């Protein structure tokens, strides 16, 4: 009999199980910050989003007061999530439009009647798909395999999307643009490609801020997630990035809140053998067979994983319950609001959650952009 059926027969769930080592460690800085804590009044600055995914960056910019003019996304399921949660947003993507940034002429043609001719006095934001630049992605491959080498810009599709995005920026000339990626982008081809991108934008009049690597755990997000941000502006101004708090949030606060009646909280039906292995793990230790880690509630969560393009990522193990996290618990760690629903199968929910910029971090970046470039003295 499967374990979940046996538990159900005695009126239990996986949440009634305990680890062998279950004494709670000393917790510090386990506050949980919601996106609403960073909300600002509308500022009338328009934003166009590219590679929108499930909307992590967009929720942050919305909270900071920006107004979405259009969102461009080529994965139909992600478009469904955006449309379900924000029916008022103009989402350009399947089934009515490809949303493929590599087809720059099509993107420009679609955006022209929406945002008008250049210059655009707002912000372009986007994170070109980053798997080809990611250390974590390459750790999944054998060192002897063709996929081990970081292919970066040589990748047939994703490696060129950054420059496709830059071409669109050059056409519409937004006042400010923000590009998000993984820190590995700095190292591709010894930094040569990123230098090329900077030169291209400086040559058309943009002031480029040096790349900024932000650790989410030092910006009110309970997760060890480092992301790289590139900011350019044609206003000749200096960008003042958000300041770190100086202390890292632990993940306990994100996982201690009630989940009653909240969407996307579906947990896996683990086998008895898996549960027996999980139950023996100490805080922060890894089950090598399943390649999952028990989170330490006194520390930030390890990075929420998106997984490959064909399916969802695996989640970490709950610190107090010997099972993997649900998509909703992972979304909590990512700081998505509880009423934000992810469409699709559980696996694809994890893909959307794991690919996103934490909305709370995005809100701080958006506020910093507004203060640096748009706020009147």
Protein backbone atom coordinates (compact mmCIF):
# COMPACT_ATOMS: atom_id res chain seq x y z
CA UNK A 1 0.00 0.00 0.00
CA UNK A 2 1.42 3.44 -0.89
CA UNK A 3 2.46 5.46 2.13
CA UNK A 4 0.01 8.30 1.47
CA UNK A 5 -2.89 5.80 1.47
CA UNK A 6 -1.65 4.21 4.69
CA UNK A 7 -1.41 7.62 6.36
CA UNK A 8 -4.86 8.56 5.14
CA UNK A 9 -6.22 5.33 6.61
CA UNK A 10 -5.24 6.44 10.12
CA UNK A 11 -6.25 10.05 9.59
CA UNK A 12 -2.70 11.36 9.10
CA UNK A 13 -0.89 13.27 6.39
CA UNK A 14 2.81 13.72 5.69
CA UNK A 15 2.65 16.82 7.88
CA UNK A 16 2.10 14.60 10.94
CA UNK A 17 5.53 12.97 10.48
CA UNK A 18 8.70 14.12 12.25
CA UNK A 19 12.43 14.02 11.65
CA UNK A 20 14.62 12.00 14.03
CA UNK A 21 16.38 15.28 14.85
CA UNK A 22 13.51 17.65 15.49
CA UNK A 23 14.72 19.99 18.22
CA UNK A 24 14.30 23.49 16.88
CA UNK A 25 17.56 25.41 16.51
CA UNK A 26 17.97 28.91 17.87
CA UNK A 27 16.25 31.29 15.48
CA UNK A 28 17.35 34.83 14.72
CA UNK A 29 15.98 37.32 12.21
CA UNK A 30 13.06 35.14 11.17
CA UNK A 31 10.73 37.98 10.23
CA UNK A 32 8.79 37.58 7.01
CA UNK A 33 8.33 40.58 4.73
CA UNK A 34 5.40 40.70 2.33
CA UNK A 35 5.26 42.57 -0.95
CA UNK A 36 2.66 44.89 0.58
CA UNK A 37 5.36 46.11 3.00
CA UNK A 38 7.08 47.76 0.02
CA UNK A 39 4.03 49.30 -1.64
CA UNK A 40 4.21 52.89 -2.90
CA UNK A 41 1.68 55.23 -4.44
CA UNK A 42 1.30 55.17 -8.26
CA UNK A 43 4.06 57.24 -9.87
CA UNK A 44 2.72 57.36 -13.46
CA UNK A 45 5.95 55.95 -14.89
CA UNK A 46 5.19 53.33 -17.57
CA UNK A 47 7.04 50.04 -17.77
CA UNK A 48 7.30 47.44 -20.52
CA UNK A 49 8.31 43.94 -19.43
CA UNK A 50 10.12 41.34 -21.54
CA UNK A 51 10.66 37.64 -20.72
CA UNK A 52 7.97 38.24 -18.09
CA UNK A 53 7.63 34.65 -16.91
CA UNK A 54 5.23 34.38 -13.99
CA UNK A 55 5.67 38.07 -13.18
CA UNK A 56 8.16 38.31 -10.31
CA UNK A 57 9.80 41.50 -11.59
CA UNK A 58 6.43 42.86 -12.65
CA UNK A 59 4.81 42.43 -9.25
CA UNK A 60 7.71 44.33 -7.71
CA UNK A 61 7.37 47.21 -10.17
CA UNK A 62 3.60 47.25 -9.66
CA UNK A 63 4.05 47.48 -5.88
CA UNK A 64 6.58 50.29 -6.31
CA UNK A 65 3.98 52.33 -8.20
CA UNK A 66 4.88 51.78 -11.87
CA UNK A 67 2.19 51.24 -14.52
CA UNK A 68 2.47 48.32 -16.91
CA UNK A 69 2.06 49.23 -20.55
CA UNK A 70 2.79 45.75 -21.94
CA UNK A 71 4.31 42.41 -20.96
CA UNK A 72 5.98 40.11 -23.50
CA UNK A 73 6.27 36.38 -22.83
CA UNK A 74 6.51 33.46 -25.27
CA UNK A 75 5.45 30.54 -23.01
CA UNK A 76 1.68 30.20 -23.14
CA UNK A 77 1.38 28.73 -19.65
CA UNK A 78 3.24 31.68 -18.14
CA UNK A 79 0.96 34.03 -20.09
CA UNK A 80 -2.01 32.21 -18.56
CA UNK A 81 -0.66 32.86 -15.07
CA UNK A 82 -0.15 36.56 -15.83
CA UNK A 83 -3.61 36.95 -17.35
CA UNK A 84 -5.33 35.06 -14.56
CA UNK A 85 -3.80 37.19 -11.82
CA UNK A 86 -3.77 40.54 -13.62
CA UNK A 87 -6.58 40.67 -16.21
CA UNK A 88 -5.91 44.38 -16.76
CA UNK A 89 -2.32 43.84 -17.90
CA UNK A 90 -1.71 43.74 -21.66
CA UNK A 91 0.12 40.45 -22.09
CA UNK A 92 1.60 39.95 -25.56
CA UNK A 93 2.11 36.24 -26.02
CA UNK A 94 0.48 32.97 -27.06
CA UNK A 95 -2.04 32.08 -28.29
CA UNK A 96 -2.48 35.40 -30.10
CA UNK A 97 1.16 36.46 -30.48
CA UNK A 98 4.47 34.58 -30.38
CA UNK A 99 6.07 36.76 -27.70
CA UNK A 100 9.45 35.62 -29.02
CA UNK A 101 12.03 38.34 -28.42
CA UNK A 102 14.39 36.72 -30.94
CA UNK A 103 11.95 37.92 -33.62
CA UNK A 104 12.81 41.55 -32.98
CA UNK A 105 10.95 42.89 -36.04
CA UNK A 106 7.72 41.26 -34.87
CA UNK A 107 8.16 42.58 -31.32
CA UNK A 108 8.84 46.11 -32.57
CA UNK A 109 5.86 45.96 -34.92
CA UNK A 110 3.56 44.82 -32.10
CA UNK A 111 4.80 47.42 -29.63
CA UNK A 112 4.84 50.42 -32.00
CA UNK A 113 1.11 51.19 -31.79
CA UNK A 114 1.12 50.59 -28.03
CA UNK A 115 4.02 52.74 -26.84
CA UNK A 116 4.52 55.02 -29.84
CA UNK A 117 7.67 56.23 -31.50
CA UNK A 118 10.97 56.71 -29.71
CA UNK A 119 11.95 57.92 -27.25
CA UNK A 120 9.87 56.04 -24.67
CA UNK A 121 9.85 57.95 -21.41
CA UNK A 122 9.53 54.92 -19.20
CA UNK A 123 11.36 51.73 -18.26
CA UNK A 124 12.10 48.48 -20.08
CA UNK A 125 12.74 45.50 -17.81
CA UNK A 126 13.57 41.87 -18.51
CA UNK A 127 15.66 38.84 -17.71
CA UNK A 128 16.75 36.95 -20.83
CA UNK A 129 16.68 33.18 -20.11
CA UNK A 130 19.77 32.47 -18.05
CA UNK A 131 20.22 28.68 -18.01
CA UNK A 132 23.14 28.82 -20.43
CA UNK A 133 25.01 31.16 -18.05
CA UNK A 134 24.16 29.29 -14.84
CA UNK A 135 26.60 27.33 -12.69
CA UNK A 136 23.71 25.40 -11.12
CA UNK A 137 22.44 24.36 -14.53
CA UNK A 138 25.81 22.95 -15.55
CA UNK A 139 26.21 21.02 -12.32
CA UNK A 140 23.44 18.77 -13.57
CA UNK A 141 25.60 17.53 -16.42
CA UNK A 142 28.53 15.14 -16.48
CA UNK A 143 31.90 16.84 -16.70
CA UNK A 144 32.61 14.59 -19.66
CA UNK A 145 29.45 15.61 -21.52
CA UNK A 146 29.05 18.21 -24.19
CA UNK A 147 26.70 20.21 -21.98
CA UNK A 148 29.18 20.72 -19.14
CA UNK A 149 30.98 23.68 -20.68
CA UNK A 150 29.15 26.92 -20.03
CA UNK A 151 27.89 27.66 -23.53
CA UNK A 152 26.68 31.16 -22.71
CA UNK A 153 26.34 33.38 -25.76
CA UNK A 154 27.27 30.54 -28.08
CA UNK A 155 23.94 28.90 -27.16
CA UNK A 156 21.91 28.85 -30.36
CA UNK A 157 18.86 30.56 -28.87
CA UNK A 158 19.23 31.84 -25.33
CA UNK A 159 22.76 33.13 -25.79
CA UNK A 160 21.62 35.73 -28.30
CA UNK A 161 18.46 36.91 -26.55
CA UNK A 162 20.35 39.51 -24.56
CA UNK A 163 21.43 41.22 -27.77
CA UNK A 164 17.96 40.87 -29.26
CA UNK A 165 16.67 42.68 -26.18
CA UNK A 166 19.30 45.39 -26.60
CA UNK A 167 18.25 45.87 -30.23
CA UNK A 168 14.67 46.51 -29.08
CA UNK A 169 15.93 48.95 -26.44
CA UNK A 170 17.91 50.81 -29.10
CA UNK A 171 14.80 51.11 -31.26
CA UNK A 172 12.45 52.49 -28.60
CA UNK A 173 15.06 54.29 -26.48
CA UNK A 174 13.42 53.95 -23.05
CA UNK A 175 14.60 56.43 -20.44
CA UNK A 176 15.85 53.54 -18.29
CA UNK A 177 16.31 49.81 -18.71
CA UNK A 178 16.96 47.02 -16.23
CA UNK A 179 18.34 43.62 -17.21
CA UNK A 180 18.31 40.72 -14.74
CA UNK A 181 20.47 37.60 -14.99
CA UNK A 182 22.63 35.18 -13.03
CA UNK A 183 26.12 36.22 -11.88
CA UNK A 184 27.59 33.75 -14.39
CA UNK A 185 26.86 36.31 -17.07
CA UNK A 186 29.92 38.21 -15.84
CA UNK A 187 32.22 35.31 -16.66
CA UNK A 188 31.02 34.23 -20.10
CA UNK A 189 33.92 34.52 -22.57
CA UNK A 190 35.98 36.18 -19.84
CA UNK A 191 33.50 39.06 -19.69
CA UNK A 192 34.03 39.95 -23.33
CA UNK A 193 30.39 39.64 -24.31
CA UNK A 194 29.11 41.76 -21.46
CA UNK A 195 31.70 44.40 -22.33
CA UNK A 196 30.39 44.33 -25.89
CA UNK A 197 26.85 44.86 -24.61
CA UNK A 198 27.97 47.82 -22.50
CA UNK A 199 29.82 49.39 -25.42
CA UNK A 200 26.82 48.99 -27.73
CA UNK A 201 24.58 50.85 -25.30
CA UNK A 202 27.13 53.54 -24.47
CA UNK A 203 27.61 54.15 -28.19
CA UNK A 204 23.92 55.07 -28.52
CA UNK A 205 23.98 57.44 -25.56
CA UNK A 206 23.21 55.34 -22.50
CA UNK A 207 24.98 55.82 -19.18
CA UNK A 208 25.73 52.33 -17.92
CA UNK A 209 25.97 51.44 -14.25
CA UNK A 210 28.46 48.71 -13.40
CA UNK A 211 26.79 45.30 -12.91
CA UNK A 212 25.21 44.88 -9.49
CA UNK A 213 25.08 41.48 -7.77
CA UNK A 214 22.41 41.42 -5.07
CA UNK A 215 21.96 38.66 -2.49
CA UNK A 216 18.23 38.31 -1.87
CA UNK A 217 18.72 37.28 1.77
CA UNK A 218 20.20 40.74 2.47
CA UNK A 219 17.19 42.43 0.90
CA UNK A 220 14.32 41.07 3.01
CA UNK A 221 13.97 37.77 1.09
CA UNK A 222 14.50 34.55 3.11
CA UNK A 223 16.64 32.89 0.43
CA UNK A 224 20.27 32.62 -0.63
CA UNK A 225 19.68 33.75 -4.17
CA UNK A 226 22.15 36.01 -5.95
CA UNK A 227 21.11 37.82 -9.09
CA UNK A 228 22.91 40.23 -11.37
CA UNK A 229 21.32 43.49 -12.48
CA UNK A 230 22.44 45.79 -15.28
CA UNK A 231 20.99 49.30 -15.38
CA UNK A 232 21.31 51.85 -18.17
CA UNK A 233 19.75 55.29 -18.60
CA UNK A 234 19.78 58.00 -21.28
CA UNK A 235 19.16 60.77 -18.73
CA UNK A 236 22.81 61.13 -17.76
CA UNK A 237 22.03 60.30 -14.14
CA UNK A 238 23.60 57.99 -11.57
CA UNK A 239 21.83 54.88 -10.31
CA UNK A 240 21.79 54.41 -6.55
CA UNK A 241 20.99 50.72 -5.93
CA UNK A 242 19.05 49.49 -2.88
CA UNK A 243 21.21 49.08 0.19
CA UNK A 244 21.54 45.67 1.86
CA UNK A 245 20.11 45.31 5.35
CA UNK A 246 23.40 43.94 6.68
CA UNK A 247 21.71 40.83 8.07
CA UNK A 248 20.24 37.79 6.37
CA UNK A 249 16.70 36.54 6.87
CA UNK A 250 16.14 32.95 7.93
CA UNK A 251 13.50 30.86 6.15
CA UNK A 252 11.57 29.97 9.31
CA UNK A 253 9.28 32.99 9.03
CA UNK A 254 8.22 32.12 5.49
CA UNK A 255 7.27 28.56 6.45
CA UNK A 256 5.58 29.28 9.77
CA UNK A 257 2.53 31.02 8.30
CA UNK A 258 -0.80 29.26 7.85
CA UNK A 259 -1.53 27.62 4.49
CA UNK A 260 -5.24 27.05 5.02
CA UNK A 261 -7.27 27.69 1.89
CA UNK A 262 -4.30 28.89 -0.19
CA UNK A 263 -3.84 27.75 -3.80
CA UNK A 264 -0.86 25.74 -5.09
CA UNK A 265 -0.19 24.00 -1.78
CA UNK A 266 -0.04 20.43 -3.08
CA UNK A 267 2.69 18.21 -1.70
CA UNK A 268 4.25 15.16 -3.32
CA UNK A 269 3.20 11.65 -2.37
CA UNK A 270 6.59 10.34 -1.28
CA UNK A 271 7.33 6.65 -0.96
CA UNK A 272 7.99 5.09 2.44
CA UNK A 273 11.64 4.51 1.48
CA UNK A 274 12.12 8.18 0.66
CA UNK A 275 10.48 9.30 3.88
CA UNK A 276 12.67 6.94 5.93
CA UNK A 277 15.79 8.48 4.38
CA UNK A 278 14.53 12.02 4.86
CA UNK A 279 13.68 11.41 8.51
CA UNK A 280 17.32 10.65 9.32
CA UNK A 281 18.66 13.96 7.98
CA UNK A 282 19.92 16.72 10.22
CA UNK A 283 19.27 20.39 9.47
CA UNK A 284 21.05 21.50 6.31
CA UNK A 285 21.97 17.98 5.21
CA UNK A 286 21.36 16.39 1.81
CA UNK A 287 19.65 13.17 0.83
CA UNK A 288 22.16 12.10 -1.80
CA UNK A 289 19.88 9.60 -3.51
CA UNK A 290 17.06 12.09 -4.05
CA UNK A 291 19.44 15.08 -4.26
CA UNK A 292 17.27 17.14 -1.94
CA UNK A 293 18.34 19.20 1.07
CA UNK A 294 16.65 19.64 4.42
CA UNK A 295 16.48 23.38 4.98
CA UNK A 296 17.94 24.88 8.12
CA UNK A 297 15.21 27.15 9.54
CA UNK A 298 17.82 29.37 11.20
CA UNK A 299 19.35 30.23 7.80
CA UNK A 300 18.05 31.56 4.49
CA UNK A 301 16.61 28.90 2.21
CA UNK A 302 18.83 27.51 -0.48
CA UNK A 303 17.96 28.86 -3.92
CA UNK A 304 14.51 27.84 -5.13
CA UNK A 305 15.19 25.76 -8.25
CA UNK A 306 13.31 26.17 -11.52
CA UNK A 307 14.39 22.97 -13.26
CA UNK A 308 14.82 22.42 -16.98
CA UNK A 309 12.73 23.81 -19.82
CA UNK A 310 10.85 20.54 -20.27
CA UNK A 311 9.63 20.23 -16.68
CA UNK A 312 9.57 21.54 -13.15
CA UNK A 313 12.31 21.77 -10.60
CA UNK A 314 12.68 19.74 -7.44
CA UNK A 315 12.02 21.55 -4.20
CA UNK A 316 13.97 21.43 -0.97
CA UNK A 317 12.86 19.50 2.11
CA UNK A 318 10.77 21.31 4.69
CA UNK A 319 12.88 22.03 7.82
CA UNK A 320 10.29 20.55 10.23
CA UNK A 321 8.38 18.01 8.12
CA UNK A 322 10.14 15.16 6.22
CA UNK A 323 8.73 16.01 2.81
CA UNK A 324 9.53 18.37 -0.03
CA UNK A 325 8.05 21.84 -0.10
CA UNK A 326 4.92 22.59 -2.07
CA UNK A 327 4.95 25.14 -4.88
CA UNK A 328 3.17 27.57 -2.52
CA UNK A 329 5.80 27.16 0.19
CA UNK A 330 8.49 27.79 -2.40
CA UNK A 331 6.53 30.82 -3.59
CA UNK A 332 6.49 32.08 0.01
CA UNK A 333 10.27 31.84 0.11
CA UNK A 334 10.32 33.75 -3.19
CA UNK A 335 7.98 36.38 -1.58
CA UNK A 336 5.10 35.97 -4.01
CA UNK A 337 1.79 37.09 -2.46
CA UNK A 338 -0.39 34.24 -1.20
CA UNK A 339 -3.24 35.26 -3.50
CA UNK A 340 -1.06 35.01 -6.61
CA UNK A 341 -2.02 31.75 -8.35
CA UNK A 342 0.29 29.71 -10.60
CA UNK A 343 -1.48 27.97 -13.47
CA UNK A 344 -0.54 24.49 -14.66
CA UNK A 345 0.68 21.22 -13.21
CA UNK A 346 2.61 21.14 -9.95
CA UNK A 347 5.86 20.64 -11.87
CA UNK A 348 5.22 23.67 -14.05
CA UNK A 349 4.25 25.73 -11.02
CA UNK A 350 7.73 25.08 -9.66
CA UNK A 351 9.21 26.20 -12.99
CA UNK A 352 7.38 29.52 -12.76
CA UNK A 353 8.25 30.09 -9.11
CA UNK A 354 11.90 29.15 -9.48
CA UNK A 355 12.53 31.24 -12.60
CA UNK A 356 11.23 34.43 -11.03
CA UNK A 357 12.94 37.40 -9.45
CA UNK A 358 11.66 37.59 -5.84
CA UNK A 359 8.95 40.29 -5.96
CA UNK A 360 10.15 41.89 -2.72
CA UNK A 361 13.64 42.31 -4.19
CA UNK A 362 12.12 43.61 -7.44
CA UNK A 363 10.10 46.20 -5.51
CA UNK A 364 13.26 47.55 -3.88
CA UNK A 365 15.00 47.76 -7.25
CA UNK A 366 11.99 49.50 -8.77
CA UNK A 367 11.88 52.02 -5.94
CA UNK A 368 15.60 52.68 -6.38
CA UNK A 369 15.07 53.24 -10.13
CA UNK A 370 12.27 55.70 -9.46
CA UNK A 371 14.32 57.60 -6.86
CA UNK A 372 17.39 57.71 -9.08
CA UNK A 373 15.80 58.70 -12.38
CA UNK A 374 12.23 59.95 -12.05
CA UNK A 375 11.69 61.53 -8.65
CA UNK A 376 11.61 65.29 -8.83
CA UNK A 377 13.91 67.14 -6.47
